[in-house]
Amino acid sequence: MVTEQALLRWADPRLHWDRSAVAERAAVGAWNAPMVTMGYRYDSSAIIDPLLTVPSTEDVAASLDGAPGSHLWHQWIGGLSTLDLIGPGFTVLSATAVWDHAASGLDLPVRRLDRAWAESVGIGEACALLVRPDGFIAWRSVGAATERLGDVLRTITSHKPRRA
């Protein structure tokens, strides 16, 4: 996708630099520049139920919506960026304490965020996001599915349980 976007811009550099060229970009399938670097989504075995279709090819904020396969987006919360909350491993982001117990047995940090942020990424009050170390969202729970967290982590890391 990035190579395709670069070739479109090579043919017409105005598609990259001119913010008002919305109709021209749409006509040839070009995306607004911030979308190419931050708004794209992808599918892999390390993403559960990816949502590959972006809501907009022009508005990066619309595409940073917590969908599996998308980037975790920056927002200031209590003096910290949401990007500062993820660590060298996987991180659970949620607005509720119900995920603390499920994550503790897996040695995953849980970062609790406010309700407004949780709503903005589609997890509401009881759900959670599992964020990969590279800042991509690996999984968005549906409901308070804390019992699925271990299976999800094993699936995305391809970790097979040891036999006794």
N, C-alpha and C. Protein backbone atom coordinates (compact mmCIF):
# COMPACT_ATOMS: atom_id res chain seq x y z
N MET A 1 0.83 -1.19 0.00
CA MET A 1 0.00 0.00 0.00
C MET A 1 0.87 1.25 0.00
N VAL A 2 1.93 1.25 0.81
CA VAL A 2 2.80 2.42 0.88
C VAL A 2 3.50 2.64 -0.47
N THR A 3 3.94 1.56 -1.10
CA THR A 3 4.59 1.68 -2.41
C THR A 3 3.61 2.22 -3.44
N GLU A 4 2.40 1.70 -3.42
CA GLU A 4 1.37 2.19 -4.34
C GLU A 4 1.12 3.68 -4.13
N GLN A 5 1.04 4.10 -2.89
CA GLN A 5 0.81 5.51 -2.58
C GLN A 5 1.99 6.37 -3.04
N ALA A 6 3.21 5.87 -2.89
CA ALA A 6 4.39 6.61 -3.33
C ALA A 6 4.39 6.79 -4.85
N LEU A 7 3.99 5.75 -5.57
CA LEU A 7 3.94 5.85 -7.04
C LEU A 7 2.88 6.86 -7.49
N LEU A 8 1.75 6.90 -6.79
CA LEU A 8 0.73 7.90 -7.13
C LEU A 8 1.26 9.31 -6.92
N ARG A 9 2.01 9.50 -5.86
CA ARG A 9 2.58 10.82 -5.56
C ARG A 9 3.72 11.17 -6.53
N TRP A 10 4.45 10.16 -6.96
CA TRP A 10 5.51 10.38 -7.94
C TRP A 10 4.91 10.92 -9.23
N ALA A 11 3.79 10.35 -9.61
CA ALA A 11 3.13 10.79 -10.85
C ALA A 11 2.53 12.19 -10.70
N ASP A 12 2.08 12.53 -9.50
CA ASP A 12 1.47 13.84 -9.26
C ASP A 12 1.80 14.28 -7.83
N PRO A 13 2.93 14.96 -7.61
CA PRO A 13 3.35 15.36 -6.27
C PRO A 13 2.32 16.23 -5.54
N ARG A 14 1.46 16.89 -6.27
CA ARG A 14 0.43 17.73 -5.64
C ARG A 14 -0.48 16.90 -4.74
N LEU A 15 -0.66 15.61 -5.07
CA LEU A 15 -1.51 14.75 -4.23
C LEU A 15 -0.95 14.63 -2.81
N HIS A 16 0.35 14.76 -2.68
CA HIS A 16 0.99 14.65 -1.38
C HIS A 16 0.96 15.98 -0.62
N TRP A 17 1.30 17.06 -1.30
CA TRP A 17 1.53 18.33 -0.63
C TRP A 17 0.29 19.21 -0.50
N ASP A 18 -0.64 19.08 -1.40
CA ASP A 18 -1.79 20.00 -1.41
C ASP A 18 -2.94 19.43 -0.58
N ARG A 19 -3.18 20.03 0.57
CA ARG A 19 -4.26 19.55 1.45
C ARG A 19 -5.64 19.70 0.82
N SER A 20 -5.77 20.61 -0.11
CA SER A 20 -7.08 20.83 -0.74
C SER A 20 -7.35 19.87 -1.90
N ALA A 21 -6.43 18.98 -2.23
CA ALA A 21 -6.58 18.07 -3.36
C ALA A 21 -7.37 16.82 -2.99
N VAL A 22 -8.37 16.96 -2.17
CA VAL A 22 -9.16 15.83 -1.68
C VAL A 22 -9.82 15.08 -2.84
N ALA A 23 -10.48 15.80 -3.72
CA ALA A 23 -11.18 15.15 -4.84
C ALA A 23 -10.20 14.47 -5.79
N GLU A 24 -9.07 15.11 -6.03
CA GLU A 24 -8.06 14.52 -6.92
C GLU A 24 -7.49 13.23 -6.32
N ARG A 25 -7.23 13.25 -5.01
CA ARG A 25 -6.73 12.03 -4.37
C ARG A 25 -7.77 10.92 -4.46
N ALA A 26 -9.01 11.24 -4.17
CA ALA A 26 -10.08 10.24 -4.22
C ALA A 26 -10.20 9.65 -5.63
N ALA A 27 -10.06 10.48 -6.64
CA ALA A 27 -10.24 10.03 -8.03
C ALA A 27 -9.20 8.99 -8.44
N VAL A 28 -7.98 9.07 -7.88
CA VAL A 28 -6.93 8.13 -8.27
C VAL A 28 -6.63 7.09 -7.19
N GLY A 29 -7.34 7.18 -6.06
CA GLY A 29 -7.12 6.21 -4.98
C GLY A 29 -5.98 6.55 -4.04
N ALA A 30 -5.57 7.82 -4.05
CA ALA A 30 -4.50 8.25 -3.14
C ALA A 30 -5.09 8.61 -1.78
N TRP A 31 -4.32 8.37 -0.75
CA TRP A 31 -4.71 8.71 0.61
C TRP A 31 -3.99 9.98 1.04
N ASN A 32 -4.59 10.72 1.94
CA ASN A 32 -3.95 11.87 2.56
C ASN A 32 -2.66 11.38 3.24
N ALA A 33 -1.61 12.18 3.20
CA ALA A 33 -0.29 11.75 3.69
C ALA A 33 -0.30 11.19 5.12
N PRO A 34 -0.96 11.81 6.10
CA PRO A 34 -0.94 11.23 7.44
C PRO A 34 -1.59 9.83 7.50
N MET A 35 -2.52 9.58 6.62
CA MET A 35 -3.15 8.27 6.57
C MET A 35 -2.17 7.19 6.12
N VAL A 36 -1.26 7.54 5.22
CA VAL A 36 -0.30 6.57 4.70
C VAL A 36 0.63 6.11 5.81
N THR A 37 1.00 7.01 6.71
CA THR A 37 1.95 6.64 7.75
C THR A 37 1.31 6.21 9.06
N MET A 38 0.12 6.69 9.37
CA MET A 38 -0.49 6.38 10.67
C MET A 38 -1.88 5.74 10.58
N GLY A 39 -2.60 5.94 9.52
CA GLY A 39 -3.98 5.50 9.47
C GLY A 39 -4.22 4.14 8.85
N TYR A 40 -3.17 3.54 8.32
CA TYR A 40 -3.36 2.25 7.68
C TYR A 40 -3.62 1.16 8.71
N ARG A 41 -4.17 0.07 8.27
CA ARG A 41 -4.43 -1.09 9.11
C ARG A 41 -3.91 -2.32 8.39
N TYR A 42 -3.62 -3.32 9.15
CA TYR A 42 -3.17 -4.54 8.49
C TYR A 42 -3.62 -5.78 9.23
N ASP A 43 -3.47 -6.87 8.53
CA ASP A 43 -3.89 -8.17 9.01
C ASP A 43 -2.66 -9.05 9.16
N SER A 44 -2.61 -9.79 10.24
CA SER A 44 -1.55 -10.79 10.43
C SER A 44 -2.04 -11.77 11.48
N SER A 45 -1.24 -12.79 11.74
CA SER A 45 -1.62 -13.75 12.78
C SER A 45 -1.50 -13.13 14.17
N ALA A 46 -0.91 -11.95 14.26
CA ALA A 46 -0.78 -11.24 15.54
C ALA A 46 -1.88 -10.20 15.75
N ILE A 47 -2.96 -10.31 14.96
CA ILE A 47 -4.13 -9.43 15.09
C ILE A 47 -5.37 -10.33 15.12
N ILE A 48 -6.22 -10.15 16.11
CA ILE A 48 -7.46 -10.92 16.21
C ILE A 48 -8.61 -10.09 15.66
N ASP A 49 -9.33 -10.62 14.69
CA ASP A 49 -10.48 -9.96 14.07
C ASP A 49 -10.17 -8.55 13.57
N PRO A 50 -9.20 -8.42 12.67
CA PRO A 50 -8.85 -7.08 12.18
C PRO A 50 -9.99 -6.44 11.40
N LEU A 51 -10.08 -5.12 11.52
CA LEU A 51 -11.01 -4.33 10.72
C LEU A 51 -10.16 -3.57 9.71
N LEU A 52 -10.08 -4.09 8.50
CA LEU A 52 -9.13 -3.57 7.52
C LEU A 52 -9.61 -2.33 6.77
N THR A 53 -10.89 -2.15 6.66
CA THR A 53 -11.40 -0.99 5.94
C THR A 53 -11.30 0.25 6.81
N VAL A 54 -10.62 1.27 6.30
CA VAL A 54 -10.48 2.50 7.07
C VAL A 54 -11.73 3.36 6.90
N PRO A 55 -12.16 4.05 7.96
CA PRO A 55 -13.35 4.90 7.85
C PRO A 55 -13.18 6.08 6.91
N SER A 56 -11.93 6.54 6.74
CA SER A 56 -11.67 7.69 5.89
C SER A 56 -10.25 7.57 5.35
N THR A 57 -10.04 7.98 4.10
CA THR A 57 -8.69 8.03 3.56
C THR A 57 -8.09 9.43 3.71
N GLU A 58 -8.85 10.33 4.30
CA GLU A 58 -8.40 11.71 4.50
C GLU A 58 -8.17 12.07 5.96
N ASP A 59 -9.01 11.55 6.87
CA ASP A 59 -8.99 11.94 8.27
C ASP A 59 -8.34 10.86 9.13
N VAL A 60 -7.09 11.09 9.53
CA VAL A 60 -6.37 10.09 10.31
C VAL A 60 -7.04 9.86 11.67
N ALA A 61 -7.61 10.88 12.27
CA ALA A 61 -8.26 10.73 13.58
C ALA A 61 -9.43 9.75 13.49
N ALA A 62 -10.15 9.75 12.38
CA ALA A 62 -11.28 8.83 12.22
C ALA A 62 -10.81 7.38 12.15
N SER A 63 -9.60 7.16 11.67
CA SER A 63 -9.08 5.80 11.51
C SER A 63 -8.37 5.28 12.75
N LEU A 64 -8.04 6.16 13.67
CA LEU A 64 -7.40 5.73 14.92
C LEU A 64 -8.50 5.54 15.95
N ASP A 65 -9.28 4.48 15.74
CA ASP A 65 -10.51 4.28 16.51
C ASP A 65 -10.49 3.04 17.38
N GLY A 66 -9.32 2.48 17.60
CA GLY A 66 -9.22 1.30 18.45
C GLY A 66 -9.49 -0.01 17.74
N ALA A 67 -9.63 0.03 16.43
CA ALA A 67 -9.90 -1.20 15.68
C ALA A 67 -8.67 -2.10 15.68
N PRO A 68 -8.87 -3.41 15.83
CA PRO A 68 -7.73 -4.32 15.73
C PRO A 68 -7.05 -4.17 14.37
N GLY A 69 -5.72 -4.06 14.42
CA GLY A 69 -4.94 -3.84 13.21
C GLY A 69 -4.56 -2.39 13.00
N SER A 70 -5.11 -1.48 13.83
CA SER A 70 -4.78 -0.06 13.70
C SER A 70 -3.77 0.35 14.77
N HIS A 71 -3.20 1.53 14.57
CA HIS A 71 -2.28 2.10 15.56
C HIS A 71 -3.04 2.54 16.80
N LEU A 72 -2.42 2.40 17.96
CA LEU A 72 -2.93 3.06 19.15
C LEU A 72 -2.67 4.54 18.94
N TRP A 73 -3.64 5.36 19.24
CA TRP A 73 -3.46 6.78 18.99
C TRP A 73 -3.07 7.51 20.26
N HIS A 74 -2.37 8.61 20.07
CA HIS A 74 -1.93 9.45 21.18
C HIS A 74 -3.08 10.30 21.69
N GLN A 75 -3.21 10.32 22.99
CA GLN A 75 -4.10 11.27 23.65
C GLN A 75 -3.51 11.52 25.03
N TRP A 76 -3.51 12.79 25.44
CA TRP A 76 -3.03 13.11 26.77
C TRP A 76 -4.08 12.71 27.80
N ILE A 77 -3.66 11.94 28.79
CA ILE A 77 -4.54 11.54 29.89
C ILE A 77 -3.73 11.66 31.17
N GLY A 78 -4.13 12.59 32.01
CA GLY A 78 -3.44 12.76 33.28
C GLY A 78 -1.96 13.07 33.13
N GLY A 79 -1.58 13.84 32.13
CA GLY A 79 -0.19 14.23 31.94
C GLY A 79 0.66 13.21 31.20
N LEU A 80 0.08 12.07 30.84
CA LEU A 80 0.81 11.05 30.08
C LEU A 80 0.14 10.82 28.74
N SER A 81 0.94 10.50 27.75
CA SER A 81 0.39 10.10 26.47
C SER A 81 -0.02 8.64 26.55
N THR A 82 -1.09 8.28 25.88
CA THR A 82 -1.47 6.87 25.83
C THR A 82 -0.33 6.04 25.25
N LEU A 83 0.50 6.63 24.40
CA LEU A 83 1.63 5.90 23.82
C LEU A 83 2.71 5.61 24.87
N ASP A 84 2.77 6.42 25.92
CA ASP A 84 3.73 6.18 27.00
C ASP A 84 3.30 5.03 27.90
N LEU A 85 2.07 4.59 27.78
CA LEU A 85 1.55 3.55 28.66
C LEU A 85 1.88 2.14 28.19
N ILE A 86 2.27 2.02 26.93
CA ILE A 86 2.62 0.68 26.44
C ILE A 86 4.11 0.46 26.68
N GLY A 87 4.45 -0.79 26.92
CA GLY A 87 5.83 -1.08 27.29
C GLY A 87 6.52 -1.96 26.29
N PRO A 88 7.55 -2.62 26.77
CA PRO A 88 8.30 -3.49 25.87
C PRO A 88 7.55 -4.78 25.54
N GLY A 89 6.49 -5.08 26.28
CA GLY A 89 5.67 -6.25 26.00
C GLY A 89 4.26 -5.83 25.66
N PHE A 90 3.35 -6.77 25.69
CA PHE A 90 1.94 -6.47 25.46
C PHE A 90 1.36 -5.74 26.66
N THR A 91 0.37 -4.88 26.41
CA THR A 91 -0.27 -4.10 27.47
C THR A 91 -1.77 -4.14 27.29
N VAL A 92 -2.49 -4.25 28.40
CA VAL A 92 -3.95 -4.19 28.39
C VAL A 92 -4.36 -2.78 28.78
N LEU A 93 -5.23 -2.17 27.97
CA LEU A 93 -5.79 -0.86 28.28
C LEU A 93 -7.28 -1.03 28.53
N SER A 94 -7.75 -0.49 29.64
CA SER A 94 -9.15 -0.64 29.99
C SER A 94 -9.57 0.49 30.92
N ALA A 95 -10.87 0.68 31.05
CA ALA A 95 -11.41 1.68 31.97
C ALA A 95 -11.92 1.04 33.25
N THR A 96 -11.72 -0.27 33.40
CA THR A 96 -12.26 -0.96 34.55
C THR A 96 -11.24 -1.92 35.16
N ALA A 97 -11.41 -2.21 36.44
CA ALA A 97 -10.49 -3.08 37.17
C ALA A 97 -10.72 -4.56 36.90
N VAL A 98 -11.77 -4.94 36.17
CA VAL A 98 -12.04 -6.37 35.97
C VAL A 98 -10.93 -7.08 35.20
N TRP A 99 -10.11 -6.33 34.49
CA TRP A 99 -9.04 -6.93 33.70
C TRP A 99 -7.77 -7.17 34.52
N ASP A 100 -7.67 -6.57 35.69
CA ASP A 100 -6.46 -6.73 36.51
C ASP A 100 -6.18 -8.20 36.84
N HIS A 101 -7.18 -8.91 37.29
CA HIS A 101 -6.99 -10.31 37.67
C HIS A 101 -6.63 -11.18 36.46
N ALA A 102 -7.34 -11.00 35.36
CA ALA A 102 -7.07 -11.80 34.16
C ALA A 102 -5.65 -11.57 33.65
N ALA A 103 -5.18 -10.35 33.71
CA ALA A 103 -3.86 -10.01 33.19
C ALA A 103 -2.74 -10.40 34.15
N SER A 104 -3.02 -10.43 35.45
CA SER A 104 -1.96 -10.71 36.43
C SER A 104 -1.39 -12.11 36.26
N GLY A 105 -2.23 -13.09 35.95
CA GLY A 105 -1.74 -14.44 35.74
C GLY A 105 -0.92 -14.59 34.47
N LEU A 106 -1.00 -13.61 33.59
CA LEU A 106 -0.26 -13.65 32.32
C LEU A 106 0.92 -12.69 32.33
N ASP A 107 1.13 -12.05 33.46
CA ASP A 107 2.22 -11.08 33.62
C ASP A 107 2.09 -9.93 32.61
N LEU A 108 0.86 -9.47 32.41
CA LEU A 108 0.60 -8.34 31.52
C LEU A 108 0.25 -7.11 32.36
N PRO A 109 0.85 -5.97 32.04
CA PRO A 109 0.45 -4.75 32.74
C PRO A 109 -0.93 -4.29 32.26
N VAL A 110 -1.72 -3.78 33.17
CA VAL A 110 -3.02 -3.20 32.84
C VAL A 110 -2.94 -1.72 33.14
N ARG A 111 -3.26 -0.92 32.16
CA ARG A 111 -3.29 0.54 32.35
C ARG A 111 -4.75 0.97 32.29
N ARG A 112 -5.19 1.57 33.34
CA ARG A 112 -6.58 2.00 33.40
C ARG A 112 -6.70 3.43 32.89
N LEU A 113 -7.61 3.59 31.97
CA LEU A 113 -7.83 4.89 31.36
C LEU A 113 -9.24 5.36 31.64
N ASP A 114 -9.50 6.62 31.39
CA ASP A 114 -10.82 7.14 31.73
C ASP A 114 -11.89 6.65 30.76
N ARG A 115 -13.11 6.80 31.19
CA ARG A 115 -14.27 6.29 30.46
C ARG A 115 -14.41 6.94 29.07
N ALA A 116 -14.14 8.25 29.00
CA ALA A 116 -14.26 8.95 27.71
C ALA A 116 -13.29 8.37 26.69
N TRP A 117 -12.06 8.10 27.12
CA TRP A 117 -11.09 7.51 26.20
C TRP A 117 -11.55 6.12 25.78
N ALA A 118 -12.03 5.34 26.75
CA ALA A 118 -12.50 3.99 26.44
C ALA A 118 -13.62 4.03 25.40
N GLU A 119 -14.54 4.95 25.55
CA GLU A 119 -15.64 5.09 24.57
C GLU A 119 -15.08 5.47 23.19
N SER A 120 -14.05 6.31 23.16
CA SER A 120 -13.52 6.78 21.87
C SER A 120 -12.85 5.68 21.07
N VAL A 121 -12.42 4.60 21.73
CA VAL A 121 -11.80 3.48 21.01
C VAL A 121 -12.69 2.26 20.96
N GLY A 122 -13.96 2.44 21.28
CA GLY A 122 -14.95 1.38 21.09
C GLY A 122 -14.94 0.28 22.13
N ILE A 123 -14.36 0.54 23.31
CA ILE A 123 -14.36 -0.53 24.31
C ILE A 123 -15.30 -0.27 25.47
N GLY A 124 -15.85 0.92 25.56
CA GLY A 124 -16.79 1.19 26.64
C GLY A 124 -16.20 0.94 28.01
N GLU A 125 -17.05 0.71 28.95
CA GLU A 125 -16.61 0.61 30.34
C GLU A 125 -16.07 -0.77 30.72
N ALA A 126 -16.55 -1.83 30.12
CA ALA A 126 -16.19 -3.19 30.57
C ALA A 126 -15.15 -3.89 29.70
N CYS A 127 -14.86 -3.35 28.55
CA CYS A 127 -13.99 -4.04 27.58
C CYS A 127 -12.55 -3.58 27.70
N ALA A 128 -11.70 -4.09 26.84
CA ALA A 128 -10.28 -3.75 26.87
C ALA A 128 -9.66 -3.85 25.49
N LEU A 129 -8.50 -3.22 25.36
CA LEU A 129 -7.64 -3.38 24.19
C LEU A 129 -6.39 -4.10 24.64
N LEU A 130 -5.91 -4.99 23.79
CA LEU A 130 -4.60 -5.60 23.99
C LEU A 130 -3.70 -4.97 22.94
N VAL A 131 -2.67 -4.25 23.41
CA VAL A 131 -1.80 -3.50 22.51
C VAL A 131 -0.44 -4.18 22.44
N ARG A 132 0.03 -4.35 21.22
CA ARG A 132 1.34 -4.96 20.99
C ARG A 132 2.45 -3.96 21.34
N PRO A 133 3.67 -4.45 21.53
CA PRO A 133 4.78 -3.55 21.85
C PRO A 133 5.06 -2.49 20.77
N ASP A 134 4.67 -2.76 19.53
CA ASP A 134 4.90 -1.80 18.45
C ASP A 134 3.79 -0.76 18.33
N GLY A 135 2.82 -0.79 19.25
CA GLY A 135 1.76 0.21 19.26
C GLY A 135 0.55 -0.14 18.43
N PHE A 136 0.52 -1.32 17.84
CA PHE A 136 -0.65 -1.75 17.09
C PHE A 136 -1.61 -2.49 18.02
N ILE A 137 -2.89 -2.34 17.75
CA ILE A 137 -3.90 -2.99 18.56
C ILE A 137 -4.06 -4.42 18.06
N ALA A 138 -3.79 -5.37 18.96
CA ALA A 138 -3.83 -6.78 18.62
C ALA A 138 -5.23 -7.36 18.79
N TRP A 139 -6.00 -6.80 19.75
CA TRP A 139 -7.33 -7.36 20.04
C TRP A 139 -8.15 -6.32 20.75
N ARG A 140 -9.43 -6.28 20.41
CA ARG A 140 -10.41 -5.46 21.13
C ARG A 140 -11.47 -6.41 21.62
N SER A 141 -11.62 -6.48 22.94
CA SER A 141 -12.58 -7.42 23.50
C SER A 141 -14.01 -6.99 23.19
N VAL A 142 -14.87 -7.97 23.13
CA VAL A 142 -16.30 -7.72 23.00
C VAL A 142 -16.90 -8.12 24.34
N GLY A 143 -17.34 -7.15 25.08
CA GLY A 143 -17.83 -7.42 26.43
C GLY A 143 -16.66 -7.65 27.37
N ALA A 144 -16.98 -7.98 28.60
CA ALA A 144 -15.95 -8.22 29.61
C ALA A 144 -15.43 -9.65 29.46
N ALA A 145 -14.76 -9.92 28.36
CA ALA A 145 -14.30 -11.26 28.01
C ALA A 145 -12.95 -11.56 28.62
N THR A 146 -12.83 -11.34 29.92
CA THR A 146 -11.54 -11.53 30.58
C THR A 146 -11.03 -12.96 30.46
N GLU A 147 -11.95 -13.92 30.39
CA GLU A 147 -11.55 -15.33 30.30
C GLU A 147 -10.87 -15.66 28.98
N ARG A 148 -11.01 -14.82 27.98
CA ARG A 148 -10.40 -15.06 26.66
C ARG A 148 -8.97 -14.53 26.56
N LEU A 149 -8.56 -13.69 27.51
CA LEU A 149 -7.28 -12.99 27.38
C LEU A 149 -6.11 -13.95 27.19
N GLY A 150 -6.03 -15.01 27.96
CA GLY A 150 -4.92 -15.97 27.82
C GLY A 150 -4.90 -16.63 26.46
N ASP A 151 -6.06 -17.06 25.99
CA ASP A 151 -6.13 -17.70 24.67
C ASP A 151 -5.75 -16.71 23.56
N VAL A 152 -6.21 -15.48 23.70
CA VAL A 152 -5.88 -14.46 22.70
C VAL A 152 -4.37 -14.24 22.66
N LEU A 153 -3.76 -14.09 23.82
CA LEU A 153 -2.32 -13.87 23.87
C LEU A 153 -1.55 -15.04 23.26
N ARG A 154 -1.97 -16.25 23.57
CA ARG A 154 -1.31 -17.44 22.98
C ARG A 154 -1.49 -17.47 21.46
N THR A 155 -2.66 -17.10 20.99
CA THR A 155 -2.91 -17.10 19.54
C THR A 155 -2.02 -16.09 18.83
N ILE A 156 -1.95 -14.88 19.33
CA ILE A 156 -1.20 -13.85 18.60
C ILE A 156 0.30 -14.01 18.73
N THR A 157 0.75 -14.70 19.77
CA THR A 157 2.20 -14.93 19.90
C THR A 157 2.59 -16.30 19.38
N SER A 158 1.61 -17.10 18.94
CA SER A 158 1.83 -18.46 18.45
C SER A 158 2.50 -19.34 19.50
N HIS A 159 2.24 -19.02 20.75
CA HIS A 159 2.82 -19.78 21.86
C HIS A 159 1.98 -21.02 22.12
N LYS A 160 2.61 -22.14 22.05
CA LYS A 160 1.92 -23.40 22.32
C LYS A 160 2.15 -23.80 23.77
N PRO A 161 1.10 -24.19 24.49
CA PRO A 161 1.29 -24.61 25.87
C PRO A 161 2.21 -25.83 25.97
N ARG A 162 3.02 -25.89 27.03
CA ARG A 162 3.89 -27.02 27.24
C ARG A 162 3.10 -28.20 27.78
N ARG A 163 3.47 -29.38 27.34
CA ARG A 163 2.84 -30.59 27.86
C ARG A 163 3.62 -31.06 29.08
N ALA A 164 2.87 -31.53 30.05
CA ALA A 164 3.51 -32.01 31.29
C ALA A 164 4.12 -33.38 31.10
